[in-house]
Amino acid sequence: MDLIESTSRRIKQSGIIAIIRGDYSVEDTLRIGEALLAGGVTSMEVTLNSPTALTALPQLRSHFKEEMLIGAGTVRDVDQARLALEAGAQFLVSPNLDLESISFTRTKGLLHLPGVFTATEAQTAFAAGCRMMKLFPMDIGGPAYLKAIRAPLNDIDFVPTGGVSLENMADYARAGAVAVGLGSKLVLNKEQSSQDLKARAQDLRSAWEQGKHG
């Protein structure tokens, strides 16, 4: 099994990618990671438009080792992809579809989830070698849109992001999502207690499992 495939499998096992975006210190980010892990969420991405992202990524990797899958988000071009890779990101997530970035990450054996919304964008990414994609923004279409786009594109692994919440988590699982991306519905702000974050992670994880297997 190659690295891209094994990373994809770990994301599917996790079911949730926690998105860390904002002005968090490295210490904040490490604490958030600990609470997520305690709540059963084992994949997280730090977005590159967060001030400490490139400093936090190597420290997260060193701290969590194989317990957590650590990725970089909001990777919009090749230069950002290179910086994220050098910082130790194990996977990349983009809000957009940039073919040059996809080509670069494939040569490095790094899983890259491009951001797509239409069937044309998804097929373009598929032709470029991507099998797992961020379906974004999902607060527009919801689970019904995911179900509709999966009908002709059922060999693509979609990770809906944007608008996913505790209330619709199980619906996304039932509609065929392999995982979901969750930002502010999970990680609120730096004042959020570790206990609250752990509890939210546990509740979301339970809803995901219920949708998948219930």
C-alpha atoms as a PDB file:
ATOM      1  CA  MET A   1       0.000   0.000   0.000  1.00  0.00           C
ATOM      2  CA  ASP A   2       1.478   3.375  -0.958  1.00  0.00           C
ATOM      3  CA  LEU A   3       1.524   6.415   1.317  1.00  0.00           C
ATOM      4  CA  ILE A   4      -1.379   8.201  -0.406  1.00  0.00           C
ATOM      5  CA  GLU A   5      -3.584   5.140  -0.029  1.00  0.00           C
ATOM      6  CA  SER A   6      -2.614   4.534   3.600  1.00  0.00           C
ATOM      7  CA  THR A   7      -3.266   8.184   4.499  1.00  0.00           C
ATOM      8  CA  SER A   8      -6.648   8.002   2.751  1.00  0.00           C
ATOM      9  CA  ARG A   9      -7.487   4.927   4.787  1.00  0.00           C
ATOM     10  CA  ARG A  10      -6.598   6.683   8.043  1.00  0.00           C
ATOM     11  CA  ILE A  11      -8.877   9.625   7.179  1.00  0.00           C
ATOM     12  CA  LYS A  12     -11.733   7.226   6.445  1.00  0.00           C
ATOM     13  CA  GLN A  13     -11.126   5.485   9.783  1.00  0.00           C
ATOM     14  CA  SER A  14     -11.169   8.827  11.582  1.00  0.00           C
ATOM     15  CA  GLY A  15     -14.327  10.006   9.797  1.00  0.00           C
ATOM     16  CA  ILE A  16     -13.739  13.592  10.898  1.00  0.00           C
ATOM     17  CA  ILE A  17     -11.049  16.076   9.902  1.00  0.00           C
ATOM     18  CA  ALA A  18     -10.945  18.845  12.519  1.00  0.00           C
ATOM     19  CA  ILE A  19     -10.077  22.180  10.902  1.00  0.00           C
ATOM     20  CA  ILE A  20      -7.993  24.618  12.964  1.00  0.00           C
ATOM     21  CA  ARG A  21      -8.261  28.135  11.541  1.00  0.00           C
ATOM     22  CA  GLY A  22      -7.485  31.367  13.356  1.00  0.00           C
ATOM     23  CA  ASP A  23      -5.020  33.141  15.586  1.00  0.00           C
ATOM     24  CA  TYR A  24      -4.033  30.223  17.805  1.00  0.00           C
ATOM     25  CA  SER A  25      -0.636  29.935  19.470  1.00  0.00           C
ATOM     26  CA  VAL A  26       1.320  26.721  18.997  1.00  0.00           C
ATOM     27  CA  GLU A  27       0.465  25.864  22.615  1.00  0.00           C
ATOM     28  CA  ASP A  28      -3.232  26.418  21.882  1.00  0.00           C
ATOM     29  CA  THR A  29      -3.025  24.127  18.865  1.00  0.00           C
ATOM     30  CA  LEU A  30      -1.287  21.359  20.822  1.00  0.00           C
ATOM     31  CA  ARG A  31      -3.959  21.587  23.542  1.00  0.00           C
ATOM     32  CA  ILE A  32      -6.691  21.430  20.917  1.00  0.00           C
ATOM     33  CA  GLY A  33      -5.059  18.350  19.428  1.00  0.00           C
ATOM     34  CA  GLU A  34      -4.972  16.639  22.825  1.00  0.00           C
ATOM     35  CA  ALA A  35      -8.684  17.323  23.405  1.00  0.00           C
ATOM     36  CA  LEU A  36      -9.617  16.121  19.916  1.00  0.00           C
ATOM     37  CA  LEU A  37      -7.655  12.917  20.403  1.00  0.00           C
ATOM     38  CA  ALA A  38      -9.324  12.348  23.782  1.00  0.00           C
ATOM     39  CA  GLY A  39     -12.675  12.770  22.016  1.00  0.00           C
ATOM     40  CA  GLY A  40     -11.887  10.206  19.333  1.00  0.00           C
ATOM     41  CA  VAL A  41     -10.959  12.553  16.466  1.00  0.00           C
ATOM     42  CA  THR A  42      -7.606  11.491  15.033  1.00  0.00           C
ATOM     43  CA  SER A  43      -7.214  13.744  11.963  1.00  0.00           C
ATOM     44  CA  MET A  44      -6.693  17.507  12.023  1.00  0.00           C
ATOM     45  CA  GLU A  45      -5.672  20.175   9.542  1.00  0.00           C
ATOM     46  CA  VAL A  46      -4.143  23.533  10.351  1.00  0.00           C
ATOM     47  CA  THR A  47      -5.018  26.090   7.684  1.00  0.00           C
ATOM     48  CA  LEU A  48      -2.138  28.015   6.151  1.00  0.00           C
ATOM     49  CA  ASN A  49      -4.005  31.306   6.566  1.00  0.00           C
ATOM     50  CA  SER A  50      -3.562  30.861  10.325  1.00  0.00           C
ATOM     51  CA  PRO A  51      -0.550  32.881  11.561  1.00  0.00           C
ATOM     52  CA  THR A  52       1.292  30.046  13.334  1.00  0.00           C
ATOM     53  CA  ALA A  53       0.465  27.219  10.892  1.00  0.00           C
ATOM     54  CA  LEU A  54       3.967  26.533   9.573  1.00  0.00           C
ATOM     55  CA  THR A  55       5.396  26.671  13.104  1.00  0.00           C
ATOM     56  CA  ALA A  56       2.672  24.464  14.548  1.00  0.00           C
ATOM     57  CA  LEU A  57       2.784  21.684  11.939  1.00  0.00           C
ATOM     58  CA  PRO A  58       6.238  20.246  12.822  1.00  0.00           C
ATOM     59  CA  GLN A  59       5.501  20.529  16.543  1.00  0.00           C
ATOM     60  CA  LEU A  60       2.197  18.702  16.125  1.00  0.00           C
ATOM     61  CA  ARG A  61       3.949  15.939  14.200  1.00  0.00           C
ATOM     62  CA  SER A  62       6.628  15.628  16.863  1.00  0.00           C
ATOM     63  CA  HIS A  63       4.142  15.688  19.741  1.00  0.00           C
ATOM     64  CA  PHE A  64       1.535  13.258  18.411  1.00  0.00           C
ATOM     65  CA  LYS A  65       3.751  11.021  16.270  1.00  0.00           C
ATOM     66  CA  GLU A  66       1.409   8.323  14.874  1.00  0.00           C
ATOM     67  CA  GLU A  67      -1.524   9.038  17.198  1.00  0.00           C
ATOM     68  CA  MET A  68      -2.846  11.888  15.042  1.00  0.00           C
ATOM     69  CA  LEU A  69      -2.827  12.521  11.303  1.00  0.00           C
ATOM     70  CA  ILE A  70      -1.653  16.112  10.806  1.00  0.00           C
ATOM     71  CA  GLY A  71      -2.472  17.999   7.624  1.00  0.00           C
ATOM     72  CA  ALA A  72      -2.295  21.507   6.197  1.00  0.00           C
ATOM     73  CA  GLY A  73      -5.402  23.266   4.891  1.00  0.00           C
ATOM     74  CA  THR A  74      -6.122  26.239   2.610  1.00  0.00           C
ATOM     75  CA  VAL A  75      -3.255  25.159   0.336  1.00  0.00           C
ATOM     76  CA  ARG A  76      -3.976  27.152  -2.824  1.00  0.00           C
ATOM     77  CA  ASP A  77      -0.836  26.822  -4.974  1.00  0.00           C
ATOM     78  CA  VAL A  78       2.426  24.943  -5.456  1.00  0.00           C
ATOM     79  CA  ASP A  79       4.479  27.288  -3.285  1.00  0.00           C
ATOM     80  CA  GLN A  80       2.129  26.728  -0.357  1.00  0.00           C
ATOM     81  CA  ALA A  81       2.109  22.979  -1.001  1.00  0.00           C
ATOM     82  CA  ARG A  82       5.901  22.944  -0.857  1.00  0.00           C
ATOM     83  CA  LEU A  83       5.967  24.923   2.403  1.00  0.00           C
ATOM     84  CA  ALA A  84       3.390  22.609   3.976  1.00  0.00           C
ATOM     85  CA  LEU A  85       5.325  19.515   2.923  1.00  0.00           C
ATOM     86  CA  GLU A  86       8.564  20.950   4.345  1.00  0.00           C
ATOM     87  CA  ALA A  87       6.737  21.689   7.617  1.00  0.00           C
ATOM     88  CA  GLY A  88       5.762  18.018   7.924  1.00  0.00           C
ATOM     89  CA  ALA A  89       2.136  17.954   6.748  1.00  0.00           C
ATOM     90  CA  GLN A  90       0.929  14.388   6.131  1.00  0.00           C
ATOM     91  CA  PHE A  91      -1.877  15.504   3.819  1.00  0.00           C
ATOM     92  CA  LEU A  92      -3.012  18.709   2.122  1.00  0.00           C
ATOM     93  CA  VAL A  93      -6.496  20.175   1.731  1.00  0.00           C
ATOM     94  CA  SER A  94      -7.391  22.963  -0.700  1.00  0.00           C
ATOM     95  CA  PRO A  95     -10.462  25.158  -1.160  1.00  0.00           C
ATOM     96  CA  ASN A  96      -9.762  25.155  -4.914  1.00  0.00           C
ATOM     97  CA  LEU A  97      -8.672  22.884  -7.760  1.00  0.00           C
ATOM     98  CA  ASP A  98      -5.090  23.693  -8.809  1.00  0.00           C
ATOM     99  CA  LEU A  99      -3.681  21.100 -11.214  1.00  0.00           C
ATOM    100  CA  GLU A 100      -0.073  22.218 -10.769  1.00  0.00           C
ATOM    101  CA  SER A 101      -0.340  21.584  -7.014  1.00  0.00           C
ATOM    102  CA  ILE A 102      -1.861  18.156  -7.615  1.00  0.00           C
ATOM    103  CA  SER A 103       0.970  17.215  -9.956  1.00  0.00           C
ATOM    104  CA  PHE A 104       3.552  18.348  -7.397  1.00  0.00           C
ATOM    105  CA  THR A 105       2.010  16.482  -4.476  1.00  0.00           C
ATOM    106  CA  ARG A 106       1.614  13.283  -6.467  1.00  0.00           C
ATOM    107  CA  THR A 107       5.333  13.252  -7.274  1.00  0.00           C
ATOM    108  CA  LYS A 108       5.954  13.556  -3.530  1.00  0.00           C
ATOM    109  CA  GLY A 109       3.553  10.731  -2.641  1.00  0.00           C
ATOM    110  CA  LEU A 110       1.429  13.103  -0.561  1.00  0.00           C
ATOM    111  CA  LEU A 111      -2.360  12.872  -0.287  1.00  0.00           C
ATOM    112  CA  HIS A 112      -3.953  16.077  -1.582  1.00  0.00           C
ATOM    113  CA  LEU A 113      -7.680  16.786  -1.284  1.00  0.00           C
ATOM    114  CA  PRO A 114      -8.525  19.492  -3.837  1.00  0.00           C
ATOM    115  CA  GLY A 115     -11.629  21.584  -3.309  1.00  0.00           C
ATOM    116  CA  VAL A 116     -14.362  20.800  -5.847  1.00  0.00           C
ATOM    117  CA  PHE A 117     -18.082  21.521  -6.082  1.00  0.00           C
ATOM    118  CA  THR A 118     -19.267  20.575  -9.563  1.00  0.00           C
ATOM    119  CA  ALA A 119     -19.164  17.254 -11.414  1.00  0.00           C
ATOM    120  CA  THR A 120     -16.824  18.830 -13.981  1.00  0.00           C
ATOM    121  CA  GLU A 121     -14.349  19.916 -11.303  1.00  0.00           C
ATOM    122  CA  ALA A 122     -14.509  16.505  -9.654  1.00  0.00           C
ATOM    123  CA  GLN A 123     -13.860  14.693 -12.933  1.00  0.00           C
ATOM    124  CA  THR A 124     -10.966  17.054 -13.733  1.00  0.00           C
ATOM    125  CA  ALA A 125      -9.394  16.220 -10.372  1.00  0.00           C
ATOM    126  CA  PHE A 126     -10.068  12.505 -10.885  1.00  0.00           C
ATOM    127  CA  ALA A 127      -8.332  12.614 -14.292  1.00  0.00           C
ATOM    128  CA  ALA A 128      -5.345  14.277 -12.597  1.00  0.00           C
ATOM    129  CA  GLY A 129      -5.071  11.322 -10.203  1.00  0.00           C
ATOM    130  CA  CYS A 130      -7.101  12.388  -7.154  1.00  0.00           C
ATOM    131  CA  ARG A 131      -9.453   9.855  -5.617  1.00  0.00           C
ATOM    132  CA  MET A 132     -10.361  11.755  -2.431  1.00  0.00           C
ATOM    133  CA  MET A 133     -11.683  15.319  -2.670  1.00  0.00           C
ATOM    134  CA  LYS A 134     -13.048  18.089  -0.470  1.00  0.00           C
ATOM    135  CA  LEU A 135     -16.628  18.843  -1.532  1.00  0.00           C
ATOM    136  CA  PHE A 136     -16.997  22.507  -0.653  1.00  0.00           C
ATOM    137  CA  PRO A 137     -18.927  24.580   0.362  1.00  0.00           C
ATOM    138  CA  MET A 138     -21.630  22.172   1.494  1.00  0.00           C
ATOM    139  CA  ASP A 139     -23.859  24.647   3.298  1.00  0.00           C
ATOM    140  CA  ILE A 140     -25.225  25.382  -0.191  1.00  0.00           C
ATOM    141  CA  GLY A 141     -26.287  21.874  -1.221  1.00  0.00           C
ATOM    142  CA  GLY A 142     -26.283  19.728   1.907  1.00  0.00           C
ATOM    143  CA  PRO A 143     -26.483  15.918   2.052  1.00  0.00           C
ATOM    144  CA  ALA A 144     -28.939  15.825  -0.872  1.00  0.00           C
ATOM    145  CA  TYR A 145     -26.331  17.436  -3.139  1.00  0.00           C
ATOM    146  CA  LEU A 146     -23.679  14.936  -2.028  1.00  0.00           C
ATOM    147  CA  LYS A 147     -26.050  12.067  -2.821  1.00  0.00           C
ATOM    148  CA  ALA A 148     -26.833  13.545  -6.237  1.00  0.00           C
ATOM    149  CA  ILE A 149     -23.204  14.098  -7.268  1.00  0.00           C
ATOM    150  CA  ARG A 150     -22.174  10.643  -6.032  1.00  0.00           C
ATOM    151  CA  ALA A 151     -24.691   8.916  -8.294  1.00  0.00           C
ATOM    152  CA  PRO A 152     -22.563   9.338 -11.454  1.00  0.00           C
ATOM    153  CA  LEU A 153     -19.251   9.723  -9.555  1.00  0.00           C
ATOM    154  CA  ASN A 154     -19.456   6.827  -7.119  1.00  0.00           C
ATOM    155  CA  ASP A 155     -15.760   5.950  -7.537  1.00  0.00           C
ATOM    156  CA  ILE A 156     -14.699   9.262  -5.931  1.00  0.00           C
ATOM    157  CA  ASP A 157     -14.264   9.634  -2.156  1.00  0.00           C
ATOM    158  CA  PHE A 158     -15.933  12.887  -1.146  1.00  0.00           C
ATOM    159  CA  VAL A 159     -15.198  14.733   2.116  1.00  0.00           C
ATOM    160  CA  PRO A 160     -17.983  17.335   2.543  1.00  0.00           C
ATOM    161  CA  THR A 161     -16.857  20.507   4.288  1.00  0.00           C
ATOM    162  CA  GLY A 162     -18.664  23.711   5.221  1.00  0.00           C
ATOM    163  CA  GLY A 163     -22.063  23.513   6.861  1.00  0.00           C
ATOM    164  CA  VAL A 164     -21.498  20.101   8.473  1.00  0.00           C
ATOM    165  CA  SER A 165     -22.844  19.967  12.037  1.00  0.00           C
ATOM    166  CA  LEU A 166     -24.002  17.581  14.741  1.00  0.00           C
ATOM    167  CA  GLU A 167     -27.547  17.863  13.369  1.00  0.00           C
ATOM    168  CA  ASN A 168     -26.684  16.686   9.821  1.00  0.00           C
ATOM    169  CA  MET A 169     -23.560  14.594  10.451  1.00  0.00           C
ATOM    170  CA  ALA A 170     -25.400  11.257  10.220  1.00  0.00           C
ATOM    171  CA  ASP A 171     -27.163  12.416   7.043  1.00  0.00           C
ATOM    172  CA  TYR A 172     -23.815  13.049   5.365  1.00  0.00           C
ATOM    173  CA  ALA A 173     -22.608   9.599   6.409  1.00  0.00           C
ATOM    174  CA  ARG A 174     -25.761   8.004   5.008  1.00  0.00           C
ATOM    175  CA  ALA A 175     -25.398  10.019   1.773  1.00  0.00           C
ATOM    176  CA  GLY A 176     -22.002   8.416   1.183  1.00  0.00           C
ATOM    177  CA  ALA A 177     -19.366  10.750   2.617  1.00  0.00           C
ATOM    178  CA  VAL A 178     -16.133   8.926   3.487  1.00  0.00           C
ATOM    179  CA  ALA A 179     -15.340  11.615   6.079  1.00  0.00           C
ATOM    180  CA  VAL A 180     -16.294  15.224   6.815  1.00  0.00           C
ATOM    181  CA  GLY A 181     -14.367  18.403   7.493  1.00  0.00           C
ATOM    182  CA  LEU A 182     -15.453  20.365  10.587  1.00  0.00           C
ATOM    183  CA  GLY A 183     -14.210  23.782  11.673  1.00  0.00           C
ATOM    184  CA  SER A 184     -16.204  26.167  13.845  1.00  0.00           C
ATOM    185  CA  LYS A 185     -18.871  23.569  14.670  1.00  0.00           C
ATOM    186  CA  LEU A 186     -16.161  21.694  16.562  1.00  0.00           C
ATOM    187  CA  VAL A 187     -13.276  24.043  17.401  1.00  0.00           C
ATOM    188  CA  LEU A 188     -14.908  27.270  18.591  1.00  0.00           C
ATOM    189  CA  ASN A 189     -12.079  29.584  19.721  1.00  0.00           C
ATOM    190  CA  LYS A 190      -9.061  29.700  21.994  1.00  0.00           C
ATOM    191  CA  GLU A 191     -11.293  30.264  25.056  1.00  0.00           C
ATOM    192  CA  GLN A 192     -13.053  26.924  24.497  1.00  0.00           C
ATOM    193  CA  SER A 193     -12.244  24.492  27.285  1.00  0.00           C
ATOM    194  CA  SER A 194     -10.610  21.169  26.564  1.00  0.00           C
ATOM    195  CA  GLN A 195     -13.586  19.461  28.224  1.00  0.00           C
ATOM    196  CA  ASP A 196     -16.063  21.158  25.873  1.00  0.00           C
ATOM    197  CA  LEU A 197     -13.960  20.329  22.837  1.00  0.00           C
ATOM    198  CA  LYS A 198     -13.611  16.699  23.907  1.00  0.00           C
ATOM    199  CA  ALA A 199     -17.374  16.426  24.469  1.00  0.00           C
ATOM    200  CA  ARG A 200     -18.161  17.964  21.059  1.00  0.00           C
ATOM    201  CA  ALA A 201     -15.705  15.595  19.392  1.00  0.00           C
ATOM    202  CA  GLN A 202     -17.303  12.600  21.117  1.00  0.00           C
ATOM    203  CA  ASP A 203     -20.826  13.677  20.149  1.00  0.00           C
ATOM    204  CA  LEU A 204     -19.860  14.276  16.517  1.00  0.00           C
ATOM    205  CA  ARG A 205     -17.991  10.989  16.337  1.00  0.00           C
ATOM    206  CA  SER A 206     -21.032   9.147  17.744  1.00  0.00           C
ATOM    207  CA  ALA A 207     -23.315  10.793  15.180  1.00  0.00           C
ATOM    208  CA  TRP A 208     -20.915   9.818  12.409  1.00  0.00           C
ATOM    209  CA  GLU A 209     -20.819   6.186  13.532  1.00  0.00           C
ATOM    210  CA  GLN A 210     -24.594   6.124  13.827  1.00  0.00           C
ATOM    211  CA  GLY A 211     -24.949   7.374  10.262  1.00  0.00           C
ATOM    212  CA  LYS A 212     -22.417   4.888   8.937  1.00  0.00           C
ATOM    213  CA  HIS A 213     -23.560   1.817  10.812  1.00  0.00           C
ATOM    214  CA  GLY A 214     -26.822   2.661  12.605  1.00  0.00           C
END
